[in-house]
Amino acid sequence: MAIRLERVIDVSAPPEDVWTFISDPEQRARHISVVEDFSIDGDGSATWHLSLPIPILDRTIAVETEDVEVRSPEHVKFVGRSRAMRVVGEQDLAETETGTRLTNRFTVEGRIPGIERFFKKNLEDEFDNLEAGLREFLDGRG
């Protein structure tokens, strides 16, 4: 079973500014609360080290992420893989009269008991973190 969630965010900023944020692997990692550490490779891929509060996990999980589809400045899809889980994130931008509509879709497939349950309970909060990070980033640009 996979957990899927979608959130739409409207911001009063041009798509190019929103794109700068969402297409950056560092911004993605920085705003996920369970990412304890991360490293960015020169090709845009990244390794996230997740610390999940799941009883059977006593260490961080390394998740190798990479962009698999990029259409600047309107769409990015990334995939993260590890022994414990697979995550797929898609973000689409559309220009509106007042700025940009950002549609976020995430799917998490757990391979260890408890991972899907954790994300089912907490994915809304992770979207809140991403939105807060985006708004902070855009405020800093103005």
N, C-alpha and C. Protein backbone atom coordinates (compact mmCIF):
# COMPACT_ATOMS: atom_id res chain seq x y z
N MET A 1 0.84 -1.18 0.00
CA MET A 1 0.00 0.00 0.00
C MET A 1 0.89 1.25 0.00
N ALA A 2 0.45 2.26 -0.68
CA ALA A 2 1.20 3.51 -0.75
C ALA A 2 0.34 4.64 -0.19
N ILE A 3 1.00 5.61 0.39
CA ILE A 3 0.35 6.81 0.90
C ILE A 3 0.51 7.89 -0.16
N ARG A 4 -0.59 8.50 -0.57
CA ARG A 4 -0.55 9.57 -1.57
C ARG A 4 -1.24 10.80 -1.00
N LEU A 5 -0.64 11.94 -1.28
CA LEU A 5 -1.22 13.19 -0.79
C LEU A 5 -0.92 14.29 -1.79
N GLU A 6 -1.86 15.20 -1.91
CA GLU A 6 -1.70 16.35 -2.81
C GLU A 6 -2.08 17.62 -2.06
N ARG A 7 -1.32 18.67 -2.33
CA ARG A 7 -1.63 19.99 -1.74
C ARG A 7 -1.37 21.05 -2.79
N VAL A 8 -2.29 22.01 -2.86
CA VAL A 8 -2.15 23.14 -3.78
C VAL A 8 -1.88 24.39 -2.95
N ILE A 9 -0.89 25.16 -3.40
CA ILE A 9 -0.49 26.39 -2.72
C ILE A 9 -0.53 27.52 -3.74
N ASP A 10 -1.20 28.60 -3.40
CA ASP A 10 -1.19 29.80 -4.24
C ASP A 10 -0.32 30.84 -3.57
N VAL A 11 0.61 31.40 -4.35
CA VAL A 11 1.50 32.44 -3.83
C VAL A 11 1.52 33.61 -4.81
N SER A 12 1.76 34.79 -4.27
CA SER A 12 1.82 35.99 -5.11
C SER A 12 3.26 36.27 -5.52
N ALA A 13 3.79 35.35 -6.31
CA ALA A 13 5.14 35.48 -6.84
C ALA A 13 5.14 34.87 -8.24
N PRO A 14 6.03 35.34 -9.10
CA PRO A 14 6.08 34.78 -10.46
C PRO A 14 6.57 33.34 -10.45
N PRO A 15 6.14 32.56 -11.45
CA PRO A 15 6.55 31.15 -11.51
C PRO A 15 8.07 30.95 -11.47
N GLU A 16 8.83 31.85 -12.05
CA GLU A 16 10.29 31.70 -12.06
C GLU A 16 10.87 31.69 -10.65
N ASP A 17 10.31 32.53 -9.76
CA ASP A 17 10.78 32.57 -8.37
C ASP A 17 10.41 31.29 -7.63
N VAL A 18 9.20 30.80 -7.85
CA VAL A 18 8.75 29.56 -7.21
C VAL A 18 9.59 28.39 -7.74
N TRP A 19 9.87 28.41 -9.04
CA TRP A 19 10.67 27.37 -9.67
C TRP A 19 12.07 27.29 -9.03
N THR A 20 12.66 28.44 -8.78
CA THR A 20 13.99 28.47 -8.17
C THR A 20 13.99 27.67 -6.87
N PHE A 21 12.92 27.79 -6.10
CA PHE A 21 12.80 27.07 -4.83
C PHE A 21 12.55 25.57 -5.06
N ILE A 22 11.51 25.23 -5.82
CA ILE A 22 11.11 23.82 -5.88
C ILE A 22 12.06 22.94 -6.69
N SER A 23 12.81 23.53 -7.61
CA SER A 23 13.71 22.71 -8.42
C SER A 23 15.06 22.49 -7.74
N ASP A 24 15.23 23.04 -6.57
CA ASP A 24 16.50 22.95 -5.85
C ASP A 24 16.45 21.78 -4.85
N PRO A 25 17.26 20.72 -5.07
CA PRO A 25 17.24 19.57 -4.15
C PRO A 25 17.56 19.95 -2.71
N GLU A 26 18.36 20.99 -2.51
CA GLU A 26 18.68 21.41 -1.15
C GLU A 26 17.44 21.97 -0.44
N GLN A 27 16.64 22.77 -1.15
CA GLN A 27 15.42 23.32 -0.56
C GLN A 27 14.45 22.19 -0.20
N ARG A 28 14.34 21.19 -1.09
CA ARG A 28 13.45 20.06 -0.79
C ARG A 28 13.86 19.38 0.51
N ALA A 29 15.14 19.08 0.64
CA ALA A 29 15.62 18.37 1.82
C ALA A 29 15.52 19.21 3.08
N ARG A 30 15.86 20.47 2.98
CA ARG A 30 15.91 21.36 4.14
C ARG A 30 14.55 21.48 4.85
N HIS A 31 13.46 21.34 4.12
CA HIS A 31 12.15 21.61 4.69
C HIS A 31 11.35 20.35 5.03
N ILE A 32 12.02 19.22 5.07
CA ILE A 32 11.38 17.97 5.52
C ILE A 32 11.89 17.70 6.93
N SER A 33 10.99 17.66 7.88
CA SER A 33 11.39 17.62 9.29
C SER A 33 12.20 16.38 9.66
N VAL A 34 11.97 15.26 9.00
CA VAL A 34 12.67 14.03 9.38
C VAL A 34 14.02 13.87 8.67
N VAL A 35 14.38 14.84 7.80
CA VAL A 35 15.71 14.81 7.18
C VAL A 35 16.69 15.37 8.20
N GLU A 36 17.51 14.48 8.74
CA GLU A 36 18.48 14.86 9.76
C GLU A 36 19.72 15.50 9.12
N ASP A 37 20.07 15.01 7.95
CA ASP A 37 21.24 15.52 7.23
C ASP A 37 21.03 15.19 5.76
N PHE A 38 21.76 15.87 4.89
CA PHE A 38 21.67 15.58 3.47
C PHE A 38 22.94 16.03 2.78
N SER A 39 23.18 15.45 1.61
CA SER A 39 24.29 15.88 0.77
C SER A 39 23.77 16.00 -0.66
N ILE A 40 24.30 16.99 -1.37
CA ILE A 40 23.89 17.25 -2.75
C ILE A 40 25.06 16.87 -3.66
N ASP A 41 24.76 16.09 -4.68
CA ASP A 41 25.78 15.72 -5.66
C ASP A 41 25.78 16.74 -6.78
N GLY A 42 26.83 16.81 -7.54
CA GLY A 42 26.97 17.78 -8.61
C GLY A 42 25.93 17.63 -9.71
N ASP A 43 25.34 16.45 -9.85
CA ASP A 43 24.35 16.23 -10.91
C ASP A 43 22.92 16.56 -10.48
N GLY A 44 22.76 17.15 -9.30
CA GLY A 44 21.44 17.52 -8.81
C GLY A 44 20.78 16.44 -7.97
N SER A 45 21.38 15.26 -7.91
CA SER A 45 20.83 14.24 -7.04
C SER A 45 21.25 14.55 -5.60
N ALA A 46 20.60 13.90 -4.66
CA ALA A 46 20.89 14.16 -3.26
C ALA A 46 20.68 12.89 -2.45
N THR A 47 21.33 12.83 -1.32
CA THR A 47 21.11 11.75 -0.36
C THR A 47 20.55 12.38 0.90
N TRP A 48 19.37 11.92 1.28
CA TRP A 48 18.73 12.37 2.52
C TRP A 48 18.99 11.32 3.58
N HIS A 49 19.30 11.75 4.78
CA HIS A 49 19.44 10.83 5.91
C HIS A 49 18.25 11.10 6.83
N LEU A 50 17.29 10.19 6.80
CA LEU A 50 16.05 10.35 7.56
C LEU A 50 16.15 9.70 8.92
N SER A 51 15.60 10.38 9.91
CA SER A 51 15.47 9.84 11.24
C SER A 51 13.97 9.73 11.53
N LEU A 52 13.44 8.53 11.42
CA LEU A 52 12.01 8.31 11.61
C LEU A 52 11.75 7.71 12.99
N PRO A 53 10.75 8.23 13.69
CA PRO A 53 10.43 7.70 15.03
C PRO A 53 9.61 6.41 14.94
N ILE A 54 10.25 5.38 14.42
CA ILE A 54 9.62 4.08 14.26
C ILE A 54 10.41 3.09 15.11
N PRO A 55 9.75 2.34 15.98
CA PRO A 55 10.44 1.50 16.95
C PRO A 55 11.49 0.55 16.37
N ILE A 56 11.25 -0.04 15.20
CA ILE A 56 12.22 -1.02 14.70
C ILE A 56 13.43 -0.37 14.02
N LEU A 57 13.42 0.94 13.85
CA LEU A 57 14.55 1.63 13.24
C LEU A 57 15.41 2.26 14.33
N ASP A 58 16.67 1.87 14.37
CA ASP A 58 17.55 2.44 15.38
C ASP A 58 18.69 3.23 14.73
N ARG A 59 18.51 3.59 13.47
CA ARG A 59 19.52 4.38 12.77
C ARG A 59 18.82 5.23 11.71
N THR A 60 19.58 6.12 11.11
CA THR A 60 19.00 6.92 10.03
C THR A 60 18.92 6.05 8.77
N ILE A 61 18.02 6.46 7.89
CA ILE A 61 17.82 5.78 6.61
C ILE A 61 18.37 6.69 5.52
N ALA A 62 19.26 6.18 4.71
CA ALA A 62 19.77 6.95 3.57
C ALA A 62 18.82 6.75 2.39
N VAL A 63 18.31 7.85 1.87
CA VAL A 63 17.41 7.82 0.73
C VAL A 63 18.10 8.57 -0.42
N GLU A 64 18.38 7.84 -1.50
CA GLU A 64 19.02 8.43 -2.68
C GLU A 64 17.92 9.05 -3.55
N THR A 65 18.01 10.35 -3.77
CA THR A 65 17.00 11.04 -4.56
C THR A 65 17.61 11.56 -5.86
N GLU A 66 16.77 11.61 -6.88
CA GLU A 66 17.20 12.16 -8.16
C GLU A 66 16.00 12.72 -8.91
N ASP A 67 16.25 13.78 -9.65
CA ASP A 67 15.22 14.32 -10.54
C ASP A 67 15.11 13.38 -11.73
N VAL A 68 13.88 12.97 -12.04
CA VAL A 68 13.67 12.07 -13.17
C VAL A 68 12.93 12.74 -14.31
N GLU A 69 12.34 13.89 -14.02
CA GLU A 69 11.60 14.63 -15.05
C GLU A 69 11.65 16.11 -14.69
N VAL A 70 12.17 16.92 -15.59
CA VAL A 70 12.26 18.35 -15.34
C VAL A 70 11.84 19.09 -16.60
N ARG A 71 10.83 19.93 -16.46
CA ARG A 71 10.40 20.83 -17.53
C ARG A 71 10.34 22.23 -16.93
N SER A 72 11.43 22.95 -17.08
CA SER A 72 11.53 24.28 -16.48
C SER A 72 10.64 25.27 -17.23
N PRO A 73 9.94 26.13 -16.57
CA PRO A 73 9.72 26.29 -15.13
C PRO A 73 8.34 25.80 -14.70
N GLU A 74 7.95 24.61 -15.13
CA GLU A 74 6.59 24.19 -14.83
C GLU A 74 6.43 22.85 -14.14
N HIS A 75 7.44 21.98 -14.19
CA HIS A 75 7.24 20.64 -13.63
C HIS A 75 8.58 20.03 -13.21
N VAL A 76 8.58 19.42 -12.04
CA VAL A 76 9.73 18.62 -11.61
C VAL A 76 9.18 17.39 -10.89
N LYS A 77 9.80 16.27 -11.19
CA LYS A 77 9.45 15.00 -10.53
C LYS A 77 10.75 14.39 -10.03
N PHE A 78 10.75 14.00 -8.76
CA PHE A 78 11.92 13.34 -8.21
C PHE A 78 11.51 12.02 -7.58
N VAL A 79 12.47 11.12 -7.51
CA VAL A 79 12.25 9.81 -6.91
C VAL A 79 13.34 9.61 -5.87
N GLY A 80 12.94 9.12 -4.70
CA GLY A 80 13.89 8.76 -3.65
C GLY A 80 13.77 7.28 -3.36
N ARG A 81 14.91 6.61 -3.28
CA ARG A 81 14.91 5.16 -3.07
C ARG A 81 15.82 4.78 -1.90
N SER A 82 15.34 3.81 -1.14
CA SER A 82 16.16 3.20 -0.09
C SER A 82 15.62 1.80 0.16
N ARG A 83 16.29 1.06 1.02
CA ARG A 83 15.78 -0.26 1.39
C ARG A 83 14.47 -0.16 2.17
N ALA A 84 14.26 0.95 2.83
CA ALA A 84 13.11 1.10 3.71
C ALA A 84 11.88 1.69 3.02
N MET A 85 12.10 2.46 1.94
CA MET A 85 10.97 3.17 1.34
C MET A 85 11.31 3.67 -0.04
N ARG A 86 10.26 4.08 -0.73
CA ARG A 86 10.39 4.77 -2.02
C ARG A 86 9.46 5.96 -1.94
N VAL A 87 9.96 7.12 -2.36
CA VAL A 87 9.14 8.33 -2.35
C VAL A 87 9.19 8.94 -3.75
N VAL A 88 8.04 9.40 -4.21
CA VAL A 88 7.95 10.10 -5.48
C VAL A 88 7.31 11.45 -5.20
N GLY A 89 7.97 12.50 -5.62
CA GLY A 89 7.43 13.85 -5.46
C GLY A 89 7.28 14.49 -6.82
N GLU A 90 6.13 15.13 -7.04
CA GLU A 90 5.90 15.88 -8.28
C GLU A 90 5.38 17.25 -7.90
N GLN A 91 5.92 18.25 -8.57
CA GLN A 91 5.51 19.62 -8.32
C GLN A 91 5.27 20.30 -9.65
N ASP A 92 4.07 20.86 -9.79
CA ASP A 92 3.67 21.54 -11.02
C ASP A 92 3.33 22.99 -10.71
N LEU A 93 3.78 23.88 -11.60
CA LEU A 93 3.52 25.31 -11.45
C LEU A 93 2.62 25.78 -12.58
N ALA A 94 1.70 26.67 -12.23
CA ALA A 94 0.85 27.31 -13.22
C ALA A 94 0.73 28.78 -12.86
N GLU A 95 0.91 29.63 -13.85
CA GLU A 95 0.77 31.07 -13.61
C GLU A 95 -0.70 31.41 -13.40
N THR A 96 -0.96 32.28 -12.43
CA THR A 96 -2.32 32.75 -12.16
C THR A 96 -2.33 34.27 -12.32
N GLU A 97 -3.48 34.86 -12.19
CA GLU A 97 -3.58 36.32 -12.29
C GLU A 97 -2.80 37.03 -11.19
N THR A 98 -2.67 36.38 -10.04
CA THR A 98 -2.01 37.01 -8.90
C THR A 98 -0.65 36.41 -8.57
N GLY A 99 -0.17 35.46 -9.36
CA GLY A 99 1.12 34.85 -9.06
C GLY A 99 1.24 33.46 -9.62
N THR A 100 1.38 32.48 -8.71
CA THR A 100 1.64 31.09 -9.12
C THR A 100 0.84 30.12 -8.26
N ARG A 101 0.32 29.10 -8.91
CA ARG A 101 -0.30 27.97 -8.22
C ARG A 101 0.68 26.81 -8.29
N LEU A 102 1.06 26.31 -7.12
CA LEU A 102 1.99 25.19 -7.01
C LEU A 102 1.20 23.97 -6.52
N THR A 103 1.21 22.93 -7.33
CA THR A 103 0.55 21.67 -6.95
C THR A 103 1.63 20.67 -6.59
N ASN A 104 1.58 20.18 -5.35
CA ASN A 104 2.53 19.20 -4.83
C ASN A 104 1.84 17.85 -4.69
N ARG A 105 2.48 16.81 -5.20
CA ARG A 105 1.97 15.45 -5.03
C ARG A 105 3.11 14.58 -4.53
N PHE A 106 2.85 13.85 -3.46
CA PHE A 106 3.86 12.94 -2.91
C PHE A 106 3.25 11.57 -2.70
N THR A 107 4.03 10.56 -3.00
CA THR A 107 3.66 9.17 -2.77
C THR A 107 4.79 8.53 -1.98
N VAL A 108 4.44 7.84 -0.92
CA VAL A 108 5.43 7.13 -0.11
C VAL A 108 5.01 5.66 -0.05
N GLU A 109 5.93 4.79 -0.45
CA GLU A 109 5.72 3.35 -0.37
C GLU A 109 6.72 2.80 0.65
N GLY A 110 6.20 2.34 1.77
CA GLY A 110 7.07 1.80 2.81
C GLY A 110 7.44 0.36 2.54
N ARG A 111 8.66 0.02 2.89
CA ARG A 111 9.12 -1.37 2.77
C ARG A 111 9.41 -1.96 4.14
N ILE A 112 9.22 -1.14 5.17
CA ILE A 112 9.40 -1.57 6.56
C ILE A 112 8.12 -1.21 7.30
N PRO A 113 7.62 -2.09 8.15
CA PRO A 113 6.39 -1.78 8.90
C PRO A 113 6.52 -0.47 9.66
N GLY A 114 5.49 0.35 9.57
CA GLY A 114 5.43 1.59 10.31
C GLY A 114 5.73 2.83 9.48
N ILE A 115 6.43 2.68 8.37
CA ILE A 115 6.79 3.85 7.56
C ILE A 115 5.56 4.50 6.95
N GLU A 116 4.71 3.70 6.31
CA GLU A 116 3.51 4.29 5.70
C GLU A 116 2.59 4.89 6.76
N ARG A 117 2.48 4.23 7.88
CA ARG A 117 1.64 4.76 8.97
C ARG A 117 2.18 6.11 9.45
N PHE A 118 3.51 6.21 9.59
CA PHE A 118 4.13 7.48 10.00
C PHE A 118 3.79 8.58 8.99
N PHE A 119 4.00 8.32 7.71
CA PHE A 119 3.77 9.37 6.71
C PHE A 119 2.29 9.68 6.53
N LYS A 120 1.44 8.69 6.70
CA LYS A 120 0.00 8.96 6.62
C LYS A 120 -0.40 9.97 7.70
N LYS A 121 0.19 9.82 8.86
CA LYS A 121 -0.11 10.70 9.99
C LYS A 121 0.58 12.06 9.85
N ASN A 122 1.75 12.12 9.21
CA ASN A 122 2.57 13.32 9.24
C ASN A 122 2.79 14.05 7.91
N LEU A 123 2.30 13.51 6.80
CA LEU A 123 2.58 14.14 5.52
C LEU A 123 1.97 15.53 5.40
N GLU A 124 0.81 15.75 5.99
CA GLU A 124 0.22 17.10 5.98
C GLU A 124 1.15 18.10 6.65
N ASP A 125 1.76 17.71 7.77
CA ASP A 125 2.71 18.58 8.45
C ASP A 125 3.93 18.85 7.57
N GLU A 126 4.37 17.86 6.81
CA GLU A 126 5.52 18.06 5.92
C GLU A 126 5.16 19.06 4.81
N PHE A 127 3.93 19.00 4.33
CA PHE A 127 3.48 20.00 3.35
C PHE A 127 3.47 21.39 3.98
N ASP A 128 3.04 21.47 5.23
CA ASP A 128 3.07 22.77 5.94
C ASP A 128 4.50 23.30 6.01
N ASN A 129 5.47 22.41 6.30
CA ASN A 129 6.88 22.82 6.37
C ASN A 129 7.36 23.32 5.01
N LEU A 130 7.00 22.61 3.95
CA LEU A 130 7.41 23.01 2.61
C LEU A 130 6.81 24.37 2.25
N GLU A 131 5.54 24.55 2.55
CA GLU A 131 4.89 25.83 2.26
C GLU A 131 5.53 26.97 3.05
N ALA A 132 5.81 26.74 4.31
CA ALA A 132 6.46 27.77 5.13
C ALA A 132 7.84 28.10 4.56
N GLY A 133 8.58 27.08 4.14
CA GLY A 133 9.89 27.31 3.55
C GLY A 133 9.80 28.10 2.26
N LEU A 134 8.82 27.79 1.44
CA LEU A 134 8.62 28.54 0.19
C LEU A 134 8.29 29.99 0.47
N ARG A 135 7.38 30.22 1.39
CA ARG A 135 6.99 31.61 1.70
C ARG A 135 8.17 32.39 2.29
N GLU A 136 8.95 31.76 3.14
CA GLU A 136 10.14 32.41 3.71
C GLU A 136 11.14 32.74 2.59
N PHE A 137 11.34 31.81 1.69
CA PHE A 137 12.25 32.02 0.57
C PHE A 137 11.78 33.19 -0.30
N LEU A 138 10.49 33.21 -0.61
CA LEU A 138 9.96 34.28 -1.45
C LEU A 138 10.01 35.64 -0.73
N ASP A 139 9.75 35.65 0.56
CA ASP A 139 9.84 36.90 1.32
C ASP A 139 11.26 37.46 1.31
N GLY A 140 12.24 36.56 1.33
CA GLY A 140 13.64 36.97 1.33
C GLY A 140 14.09 37.53 -0.01
N ARG A 141 13.34 37.25 -1.05
CA ARG A 141 13.70 37.72 -2.39
C ARG A 141 13.15 39.10 -2.69
N GLY A 142 12.13 39.51 -1.91
CA GLY A 142 11.43 40.76 -2.22
C GLY A 142 12.01 41.97 -1.66
